[in-house]
C-alpha atoms as a PDB file:
ATOM      1  CA  UNK A   1     -23.343  25.844  95.488  1.00  0.00           C
ATOM      2  CA  UNK A   2     -20.697  23.240  95.979  1.00  0.00           C
ATOM      3  CA  UNK A   3     -22.782  20.676  94.203  1.00  0.00           C
ATOM      4  CA  UNK A   4     -23.248  23.101  91.325  1.00  0.00           C
ATOM      5  CA  UNK A   5     -19.470  23.525  90.973  1.00  0.00           C
ATOM      6  CA  UNK A   6     -18.961  19.784  90.960  1.00  0.00           C
ATOM      7  CA  UNK A   7     -21.549  19.372  88.219  1.00  0.00           C
ATOM      8  CA  UNK A   8     -19.876  22.100  86.176  1.00  0.00           C
ATOM      9  CA  UNK A   9     -16.499  20.437  86.557  1.00  0.00           C
ATOM     10  CA  UNK A  10     -17.968  17.048  85.610  1.00  0.00           C
ATOM     11  CA  UNK A  11     -19.517  18.643  82.504  1.00  0.00           C
ATOM     12  CA  UNK A  12     -16.369  20.619  81.596  1.00  0.00           C
ATOM     13  CA  UNK A  13     -14.152  17.546  81.089  1.00  0.00           C
ATOM     14  CA  UNK A  14     -16.445  15.819  78.618  1.00  0.00           C
ATOM     15  CA  UNK A  15     -16.849  19.081  76.707  1.00  0.00           C
ATOM     16  CA  UNK A  16     -13.103  19.528  76.535  1.00  0.00           C
ATOM     17  CA  UNK A  17     -12.674  15.980  75.282  1.00  0.00           C
ATOM     18  CA  UNK A  18     -15.428  16.421  72.719  1.00  0.00           C
ATOM     19  CA  UNK A  19     -13.872  19.694  71.564  1.00  0.00           C
ATOM     20  CA  UNK A  20     -10.479  18.019  71.229  1.00  0.00           C
ATOM     21  CA  UNK A  21     -11.879  15.103  69.250  1.00  0.00           C
ATOM     22  CA  UNK A  22     -13.797  17.527  67.017  1.00  0.00           C
ATOM     23  CA  UNK A  23     -10.601  19.434  66.264  1.00  0.00           C
ATOM     24  CA  UNK A  24      -8.798  16.190  65.387  1.00  0.00           C
ATOM     25  CA  UNK A  25     -11.596  15.118  63.071  1.00  0.00           C
ATOM     26  CA  UNK A  26     -11.624  18.529  61.387  1.00  0.00           C
ATOM     27  CA  UNK A  27      -7.864  18.314  60.913  1.00  0.00           C
ATOM     28  CA  UNK A  28      -8.165  14.849  59.356  1.00  0.00           C
ATOM     29  CA  UNK A  29     -10.962  16.091  57.122  1.00  0.00           C
ATOM     30  CA  UNK A  30      -8.800  19.025  55.939  1.00  0.00           C
ATOM     31  CA  UNK A  31      -5.944  16.577  55.186  1.00  0.00           C
ATOM     32  CA  UNK A  32      -8.286  14.321  53.163  1.00  0.00           C
ATOM     33  CA  UNK A  33      -9.643  17.296  51.226  1.00  0.00           C
ATOM     34  CA  UNK A  34      -6.088  18.422  50.445  1.00  0.00           C
ATOM     35  CA  UNK A  35      -5.193  14.875  49.331  1.00  0.00           C
ATOM     36  CA  UNK A  36      -8.249  14.720  47.026  1.00  0.00           C
ATOM     37  CA  UNK A  37      -7.299  18.103  45.538  1.00  0.00           C
ATOM     38  CA  UNK A  38      -3.747  16.889  44.881  1.00  0.00           C
ATOM     39  CA  UNK A  39      -5.067  13.681  43.275  1.00  0.00           C
ATOM     40  CA  UNK A  40      -7.437  15.676  41.020  1.00  0.00           C
ATOM     41  CA  UNK A  41      -4.632  18.076  40.087  1.00  0.00           C
ATOM     42  CA  UNK A  42      -2.304  15.181  39.261  1.00  0.00           C
ATOM     43  CA  UNK A  43      -4.987  13.476  37.167  1.00  0.00           C
ATOM     44  CA  UNK A  44      -5.652  16.705  35.290  1.00  0.00           C
ATOM     45  CA  UNK A  45      -1.934  17.094  34.608  1.00  0.00           C
ATOM     46  CA  UNK A  46      -1.640  13.501  33.359  1.00  0.00           C
ATOM     47  CA  UNK A  47      -4.669  13.977  31.111  1.00  0.00           C
ATOM     48  CA  UNK A  48      -3.154  17.150  29.679  1.00  0.00           C
ATOM     49  CA  UNK A  49       0.137  15.310  29.037  1.00  0.00           C
ATOM     50  CA  UNK A  50      -1.710  12.454  27.301  1.00  0.00           C
ATOM     51  CA  UNK A  51      -3.678  14.851  25.123  1.00  0.00           C
ATOM     52  CA  UNK A  52      -0.447  16.607  24.128  1.00  0.00           C
ATOM     53  CA  UNK A  53       1.237  13.260  23.373  1.00  0.00           C
ATOM     54  CA  UNK A  54      -1.736  12.143  21.229  1.00  0.00           C
ATOM     55  CA  UNK A  55      -1.703  15.488  19.430  1.00  0.00           C
ATOM     56  CA  UNK A  56       2.010  15.211  18.704  1.00  0.00           C
ATOM     57  CA  UNK A  57       1.598  11.620  17.539  1.00  0.00           C
ATOM     58  CA  UNK A  58      -1.262  12.645  15.221  1.00  0.00           C
ATOM     59  CA  UNK A  59       0.824  15.436  13.745  1.00  0.00           C
ATOM     60  CA  UNK A  60       3.691  13.029  13.145  1.00  0.00           C
ATOM     61  CA  UNK A  61       1.409  10.486  11.488  1.00  0.00           C
ATOM     62  CA  UNK A  62      -0.060  13.207   9.270  1.00  0.00           C
ATOM     63  CA  UNK A  63       3.461  14.275   8.218  1.00  0.00           C
ATOM     64  CA  UNK A  64       4.439  10.633   7.541  1.00  0.00           C
ATOM     65  CA  UNK A  65       1.318  10.072   5.415  1.00  0.00           C
ATOM     66  CA  UNK A  66       1.983  13.292   3.469  1.00  0.00           C
ATOM     67  CA  UNK A  67       5.600  12.267   2.876  1.00  0.00           C
ATOM     68  CA  UNK A  68       4.450   8.788   1.697  1.00  0.00           C
ATOM     69  CA  UNK A  69       1.925  10.385  -0.693  1.00  0.00           C
ATOM     70  CA  UNK A  70       4.584  12.750  -2.034  1.00  0.00           C
ATOM     71  CA  UNK A  71       6.985   9.855  -2.524  1.00  0.00           C
ATOM     72  CA  UNK A  72       4.281   7.854  -4.343  1.00  0.00           C
ATOM     73  CA  UNK A  73       3.514  10.834  -6.574  1.00  0.00           C
ATOM     74  CA  UNK A  74       7.205  11.214  -7.435  1.00  0.00           C
ATOM     75  CA  UNK A  75       7.402   7.488  -8.108  1.00  0.00           C
ATOM     76  CA  UNK A  76       4.484   7.596 -10.529  1.00  0.00           C
ATOM     77  CA  UNK A  77       5.879  10.700 -12.226  1.00  0.00           C
ATOM     78  CA  UNK A  78       9.273   9.015 -12.571  1.00  0.00           C
ATOM     79  CA  UNK A  79       7.634   5.913 -14.017  1.00  0.00           C
ATOM     80  CA  UNK A  80       5.695   8.076 -16.459  1.00  0.00           C
ATOM     81  CA  UNK A  81       8.859   9.871 -17.587  1.00  0.00           C
ATOM     82  CA  UNK A  82      10.690   6.554 -17.983  1.00  0.00           C
ATOM     83  CA  UNK A  83       7.920   5.161 -20.149  1.00  0.00           C
ATOM     84  CA  UNK A  84       8.060   8.221 -22.394  1.00  0.00           C
ATOM     85  CA  UNK A  85      11.825   7.769 -22.809  1.00  0.00           C
ATOM     86  CA  UNK A  86      11.761   4.079 -23.650  1.00  0.00           C
ATOM     87  CA  UNK A  87       9.007   4.354 -26.271  1.00  0.00           C
ATOM     88  CA  UNK A  88      10.765   6.409 -29.015  1.00  0.00           C
ATOM     89  CA  UNK A  89       8.424   5.355 -31.851  1.00  0.00           C
ATOM     90  CA  UNK A  90       6.250   8.188 -33.131  1.00  0.00           C
ATOM     91  CA  UNK A  91       2.490   8.182 -33.301  1.00  0.00           C
ATOM     92  CA  UNK A  92       2.606   8.195 -37.133  1.00  0.00           C
ATOM     93  CA  UNK A  93       4.647   4.970 -37.192  1.00  0.00           C
ATOM     94  CA  UNK A  94       2.195   3.340 -34.804  1.00  0.00           C
ATOM     95  CA  UNK A  95      -0.760   4.268 -37.009  1.00  0.00           C
ATOM     96  CA  UNK A  96       0.969   2.840 -40.084  1.00  0.00           C
ATOM     97  CA  UNK A  97       1.759  -0.399 -38.304  1.00  0.00           C
ATOM     98  CA  UNK A  98      -1.849  -0.722 -37.173  1.00  0.00           C
ATOM     99  CA  UNK A  99      -3.052  -0.124 -40.744  1.00  0.00           C
ATOM    100  CA  UNK A 100      -0.635  -2.740 -42.113  1.00  0.00           C
ATOM    101  CA  UNK A 101      -1.794  -5.234 -39.517  1.00  0.00           C
ATOM    102  CA  UNK A 102      -5.466  -4.690 -40.396  1.00  0.00           C
ATOM    103  CA  UNK A 103      -4.674  -5.196 -44.087  1.00  0.00           C
ATOM    104  CA  UNK A 104      -2.869  -8.472 -43.349  1.00  0.00           C
ATOM    105  CA  UNK A 105      -5.692  -9.757 -41.159  1.00  0.00           C
ATOM    106  CA  UNK A 106      -8.258  -8.923 -43.867  1.00  0.00           C
ATOM    107  CA  UNK A 107      -6.308 -10.762 -46.590  1.00  0.00           C
ATOM    108  CA  UNK A 108      -5.020 -13.886 -44.904  1.00  0.00           C
ATOM    109  CA  UNK A 109      -4.765 -15.701 -41.592  1.00  0.00           C
ATOM    110  CA  UNK A 110      -1.101 -15.963 -40.689  1.00  0.00           C
ATOM    111  CA  UNK A 111       0.513 -18.632 -38.489  1.00  0.00           C
ATOM    112  CA  UNK A 112       1.114 -15.879 -35.966  1.00  0.00           C
ATOM    113  CA  UNK A 113      -2.642 -15.303 -35.627  1.00  0.00           C
ATOM    114  CA  UNK A 114      -3.112 -19.039 -35.028  1.00  0.00           C
ATOM    115  CA  UNK A 115      -0.448 -18.891 -32.354  1.00  0.00           C
ATOM    116  CA  UNK A 116      -2.238 -15.963 -30.745  1.00  0.00           C
ATOM    117  CA  UNK A 117      -5.509 -17.937 -30.723  1.00  0.00           C
ATOM    118  CA  UNK A 118      -3.754 -20.879 -29.078  1.00  0.00           C
ATOM    119  CA  UNK A 119      -2.178 -18.599 -26.524  1.00  0.00           C
ATOM    120  CA  UNK A 120      -5.548 -17.026 -25.743  1.00  0.00           C
ATOM    121  CA  UNK A 121      -7.040 -20.485 -25.257  1.00  0.00           C
ATOM    122  CA  UNK A 122      -4.202 -21.414 -22.923  1.00  0.00           C
ATOM    123  CA  UNK A 123      -4.706 -18.188 -21.050  1.00  0.00           C
ATOM    124  CA  UNK A 124      -8.421 -18.942 -20.587  1.00  0.00           C
ATOM    125  CA  UNK A 125      -7.641 -22.428 -19.290  1.00  0.00           C
ATOM    126  CA  UNK A 126      -5.142 -21.084 -16.749  1.00  0.00           C
ATOM    127  CA  UNK A 127      -7.574 -18.391 -15.647  1.00  0.00           C
ATOM    128  CA  UNK A 128     -10.162 -21.136 -14.973  1.00  0.00           C
ATOM    129  CA  UNK A 129      -7.613 -23.101 -12.928  1.00  0.00           C
ATOM    130  CA  UNK A 130      -7.009 -20.202 -10.598  1.00  0.00           C
ATOM    131  CA  UNK A 131      -8.533 -20.246  -7.136  1.00  0.00           C
ATOM    132  CA  UNK A 132     -12.033 -18.750  -6.605  1.00  0.00           C
ATOM    133  CA  UNK A 133     -10.486 -15.933  -4.556  1.00  0.00           C
ATOM    134  CA  UNK A 134      -8.228 -14.964  -7.443  1.00  0.00           C
ATOM    135  CA  UNK A 135     -11.082 -15.090  -9.917  1.00  0.00           C
ATOM    136  CA  UNK A 136     -13.006 -12.466  -7.939  1.00  0.00           C
ATOM    137  CA  UNK A 137     -10.291  -9.845  -8.453  1.00  0.00           C
ATOM    138  CA  UNK A 138     -11.046  -7.384 -11.243  1.00  0.00           C
ATOM    139  CA  UNK A 139      -8.485  -7.026 -14.024  1.00  0.00           C
ATOM    140  CA  UNK A 140      -8.110  -3.635 -15.666  1.00  0.00           C
ATOM    141  CA  UNK A 141      -6.469  -3.560 -19.054  1.00  0.00           C
ATOM    142  CA  UNK A 142      -5.879  -0.983 -21.739  1.00  0.00           C
ATOM    143  CA  UNK A 143      -5.703  -3.150 -24.870  1.00  0.00           C
ATOM    144  CA  UNK A 144      -4.446  -1.954 -28.241  1.00  0.00           C
ATOM    145  CA  UNK A 145      -5.197  -4.229 -31.214  1.00  0.00           C
ATOM    146  CA  UNK A 146      -1.613  -4.872 -32.365  1.00  0.00           C
ATOM    147  CA  UNK A 147      -1.441  -8.608 -32.967  1.00  0.00           C
ATOM    148  CA  UNK A 148       1.550  -8.562 -35.311  1.00  0.00           C
ATOM    149  CA  UNK A 149       3.368  -5.479 -34.056  1.00  0.00           C
ATOM    150  CA  UNK A 150       6.765  -6.425 -32.643  1.00  0.00           C
ATOM    151  CA  UNK A 151       7.789  -3.091 -31.047  1.00  0.00           C
ATOM    152  CA  UNK A 152       4.938  -2.892 -28.559  1.00  0.00           C
ATOM    153  CA  UNK A 153       5.554  -1.837 -24.938  1.00  0.00           C
ATOM    154  CA  UNK A 154       3.879  -3.710 -22.057  1.00  0.00           C
ATOM    155  CA  UNK A 155       3.381  -2.197 -18.598  1.00  0.00           C
ATOM    156  CA  UNK A 156       2.123  -4.817 -16.168  1.00  0.00           C
ATOM    157  CA  UNK A 157       1.690  -4.924 -12.391  1.00  0.00           C
ATOM    158  CA  UNK A 158      -0.742  -4.531  -9.520  1.00  0.00           C
ATOM    159  CA  UNK A 159      -3.460  -1.863  -9.075  1.00  0.00           C
ATOM    160  CA  UNK A 160      -1.021   1.004  -8.487  1.00  0.00           C
ATOM    161  CA  UNK A 161      -0.562   1.197 -12.266  1.00  0.00           C
ATOM    162  CA  UNK A 162      -4.177   2.276 -12.667  1.00  0.00           C
ATOM    163  CA  UNK A 163      -2.999   5.807 -11.792  1.00  0.00           C
ATOM    164  CA  UNK A 164      -0.730   6.084 -14.867  1.00  0.00           C
ATOM    165  CA  UNK A 165      -1.689   8.935 -17.160  1.00  0.00           C
ATOM    166  CA  UNK A 166      -1.730   7.716 -20.769  1.00  0.00           C
ATOM    167  CA  UNK A 167      -1.221  11.231 -22.093  1.00  0.00           C
ATOM    168  CA  UNK A 168       2.086  11.371 -23.923  1.00  0.00           C
ATOM    169  CA  UNK A 169       2.512   7.566 -24.099  1.00  0.00           C
ATOM    170  CA  UNK A 170       3.024   5.832 -27.413  1.00  0.00           C
ATOM    171  CA  UNK A 171      -0.117   4.242 -28.874  1.00  0.00           C
ATOM    172  CA  UNK A 172       1.646   0.872 -28.885  1.00  0.00           C
ATOM    173  CA  UNK A 173       1.793   0.923 -25.092  1.00  0.00           C
ATOM    174  CA  UNK A 174      -0.318  -1.770 -23.419  1.00  0.00           C
ATOM    175  CA  UNK A 175      -1.094  -1.240 -19.703  1.00  0.00           C
ATOM    176  CA  UNK A 176      -2.269  -4.301 -17.746  1.00  0.00           C
ATOM    177  CA  UNK A 177      -3.266  -3.910 -14.066  1.00  0.00           C
ATOM    178  CA  UNK A 178      -3.887  -6.944 -11.863  1.00  0.00           C
ATOM    179  CA  UNK A 179      -5.296  -5.812  -8.501  1.00  0.00           C
ATOM    180  CA  UNK A 180      -4.272  -7.765  -5.382  1.00  0.00           C
ATOM    181  CA  UNK A 181      -2.183 -10.158  -7.496  1.00  0.00           C
ATOM    182  CA  UNK A 182       1.194 -11.409  -6.240  1.00  0.00           C
ATOM    183  CA  UNK A 183       4.403 -12.215  -8.127  1.00  0.00           C
ATOM    184  CA  UNK A 184       3.406 -15.775  -8.957  1.00  0.00           C
ATOM    185  CA  UNK A 185      -0.023 -14.657 -10.221  1.00  0.00           C
ATOM    186  CA  UNK A 186       1.425 -12.068 -12.613  1.00  0.00           C
ATOM    187  CA  UNK A 187       3.988 -14.590 -13.833  1.00  0.00           C
ATOM    188  CA  UNK A 188       1.179 -17.105 -14.501  1.00  0.00           C
ATOM    189  CA  UNK A 189      -0.611 -14.461 -16.556  1.00  0.00           C
ATOM    190  CA  UNK A 190       2.442 -13.667 -18.706  1.00  0.00           C
ATOM    191  CA  UNK A 191       3.264 -17.353 -19.186  1.00  0.00           C
ATOM    192  CA  UNK A 192       0.051 -17.671 -21.156  1.00  0.00           C
ATOM    193  CA  UNK A 193       0.757 -14.676 -23.423  1.00  0.00           C
ATOM    194  CA  UNK A 194       2.620 -14.330 -26.714  1.00  0.00           C
ATOM    195  CA  UNK A 195       5.543 -12.210 -25.511  1.00  0.00           C
ATOM    196  CA  UNK A 196       7.275 -12.083 -28.907  1.00  0.00           C
ATOM    197  CA  UNK A 197       5.307  -8.973 -29.894  1.00  0.00           C
ATOM    198  CA  UNK A 198       6.717  -6.946 -26.992  1.00  0.00           C
ATOM    199  CA  UNK A 199       9.940  -5.092 -27.425  1.00  0.00           C
ATOM    200  CA  UNK A 200       9.872  -3.514 -23.974  1.00  0.00           C
ATOM    201  CA  UNK A 201       8.320  -4.871 -20.759  1.00  0.00           C
ATOM    202  CA  UNK A 202       7.965  -2.763 -17.601  1.00  0.00           C
ATOM    203  CA  UNK A 203       7.081  -4.741 -14.488  1.00  0.00           C
ATOM    204  CA  UNK A 204       5.788  -3.487 -11.145  1.00  0.00           C
ATOM    205  CA  UNK A 205       5.489  -6.373  -8.649  1.00  0.00           C
ATOM    206  CA  UNK A 206       6.149  -7.290  -5.036  1.00  0.00           C
ATOM    207  CA  UNK A 207       3.945  -4.792  -3.158  1.00  0.00           C
ATOM    208  CA  UNK A 208       1.119  -7.217  -2.489  1.00  0.00           C
ATOM    209  CA  UNK A 209       3.583  -9.931  -1.431  1.00  0.00           C
ATOM    210  CA  UNK A 210       5.036  -7.597   1.200  1.00  0.00           C
ATOM    211  CA  UNK A 211       1.570  -6.590   2.344  1.00  0.00           C
ATOM    212  CA  UNK A 212       0.792 -10.249   3.078  1.00  0.00           C
ATOM    213  CA  UNK A 213       3.957 -10.671   5.176  1.00  0.00           C
ATOM    214  CA  UNK A 214       6.086 -12.393   2.515  1.00  0.00           C
ATOM    215  CA  UNK A 215       9.816 -12.786   3.250  1.00  0.00           C
ATOM    216  CA  UNK A 216      11.708 -10.175   1.104  1.00  0.00           C
ATOM    217  CA  UNK A 217      14.365 -12.756   0.170  1.00  0.00           C
ATOM    218  CA  UNK A 218      11.746 -15.226  -1.011  1.00  0.00           C
ATOM    219  CA  UNK A 219       9.985 -12.504  -2.986  1.00  0.00           C
ATOM    220  CA  UNK A 220      13.295 -11.489  -4.600  1.00  0.00           C
ATOM    221  CA  UNK A 221      13.967 -15.118  -5.514  1.00  0.00           C
ATOM    222  CA  UNK A 222      10.557 -15.317  -7.258  1.00  0.00           C
ATOM    223  CA  UNK A 223      11.218 -12.046  -9.079  1.00  0.00           C
ATOM    224  CA  UNK A 224      14.620 -13.283 -10.208  1.00  0.00           C
ATOM    225  CA  UNK A 225      13.115 -16.491 -11.602  1.00  0.00           C
ATOM    226  CA  UNK A 226      10.359 -14.476 -13.254  1.00  0.00           C
ATOM    227  CA  UNK A 227      12.808 -12.151 -15.025  1.00  0.00           C
ATOM    228  CA  UNK A 228      15.023 -15.062 -16.054  1.00  0.00           C
ATOM    229  CA  UNK A 229      12.046 -16.688 -17.751  1.00  0.00           C
ATOM    230  CA  UNK A 230      11.192 -13.456 -19.594  1.00  0.00           C
ATOM    231  CA  UNK A 231      14.774 -13.008 -20.830  1.00  0.00           C
ATOM    232  CA  UNK A 232      14.171 -15.828 -23.293  1.00  0.00           C
ATOM    233  CA  UNK A 233      11.745 -13.614 -25.254  1.00  0.00           C
ATOM    234  CA  UNK A 234      14.484 -11.140 -26.345  1.00  0.00           C
ATOM    235  CA  UNK A 235      12.689  -8.131 -24.905  1.00  0.00           C
ATOM    236  CA  UNK A 236      14.095  -5.296 -22.781  1.00  0.00           C
ATOM    237  CA  UNK A 237      12.983  -5.641 -19.197  1.00  0.00           C
ATOM    238  CA  UNK A 238      12.545  -2.850 -16.647  1.00  0.00           C
ATOM    239  CA  UNK A 239      11.806  -3.791 -13.017  1.00  0.00           C
ATOM    240  CA  UNK A 240      10.328  -1.021 -10.842  1.00  0.00           C
ATOM    241  CA  UNK A 241      11.053  -0.737  -7.162  1.00  0.00           C
ATOM    242  CA  UNK A 242       8.023  -0.903  -4.877  1.00  0.00           C
ATOM    243  CA  UNK A 243       6.392   2.388  -3.916  1.00  0.00           C
ATOM    244  CA  UNK A 244       5.946   3.147  -0.187  1.00  0.00           C
ATOM    245  CA  UNK A 245       2.904   1.519   1.417  1.00  0.00           C
ATOM    246  CA  UNK A 246       1.104   2.127   4.714  1.00  0.00           C
ATOM    247  CA  UNK A 247       0.294  -1.559   5.169  1.00  0.00           C
ATOM    248  CA  UNK A 248       3.790  -2.972   4.628  1.00  0.00           C
ATOM    249  CA  UNK A 249       7.509  -2.215   4.906  1.00  0.00           C
ATOM    250  CA  UNK A 250       8.838  -2.434   1.345  1.00  0.00           C
ATOM    251  CA  UNK A 251      12.325  -1.073   2.082  1.00  0.00           C
ATOM    252  CA  UNK A 252      13.974  -4.527   2.618  1.00  0.00           C
ATOM    253  CA  UNK A 253      12.756  -5.735  -0.791  1.00  0.00           C
ATOM    254  CA  UNK A 254      13.820  -2.522  -2.537  1.00  0.00           C
ATOM    255  CA  UNK A 255      17.277  -2.789  -0.947  1.00  0.00           C
ATOM    256  CA  UNK A 256      17.702  -6.295  -2.396  1.00  0.00           C
ATOM    257  CA  UNK A 257      16.400  -5.242  -5.802  1.00  0.00           C
END
């Protein structure tokens, strides 16, 4: 009996130790489970915050794009209204001038027509001298056959002018769009033209220069030289500010203009 008691005592101590160690391990396991739960909860909260931030940023970008589109629409509408105001000649007068011009061309070849041919040849030579990249750009033009008309209106600029609605414009209005072209390219084009037949010239330039990272002050200097060269043709010049763009900040250039 005594030996039995001793064996029970010897067995009791290891069991107590094992039970104590088991409790400690279970406690540690509960702590780890609680820590994992907290980590998962924190990660879920951070994910929720990021989703909300992205949603708010997307809403803001959508509003900015809508505002830019509205501003561009107002700009085009304003340009359209301006063109209607600065072309006071009536459609009847334009038709008469076109008829007179056709009669003159049919009867005799004037020195002016020779000058136009020379100018066209010079224009073709300069177009050939342009870089291969520039030659790949499409040029959209709305040409009216008015060789000898001296009260014609020219609207020239980059591809944004392709959205102009011709309804309500005078028939003597010539719209020339030069996609992707910069200030110097448009100036090179006009240098080869006979500008004496234009009474009014409306110019939209600078947007592509800003999109390529051009310094606004340098762009303004090029515009100033461009307009100074055109002043020698005794035509009324209108320079348009640059419409908002998503790929460039045009505000600094507009502020200088």
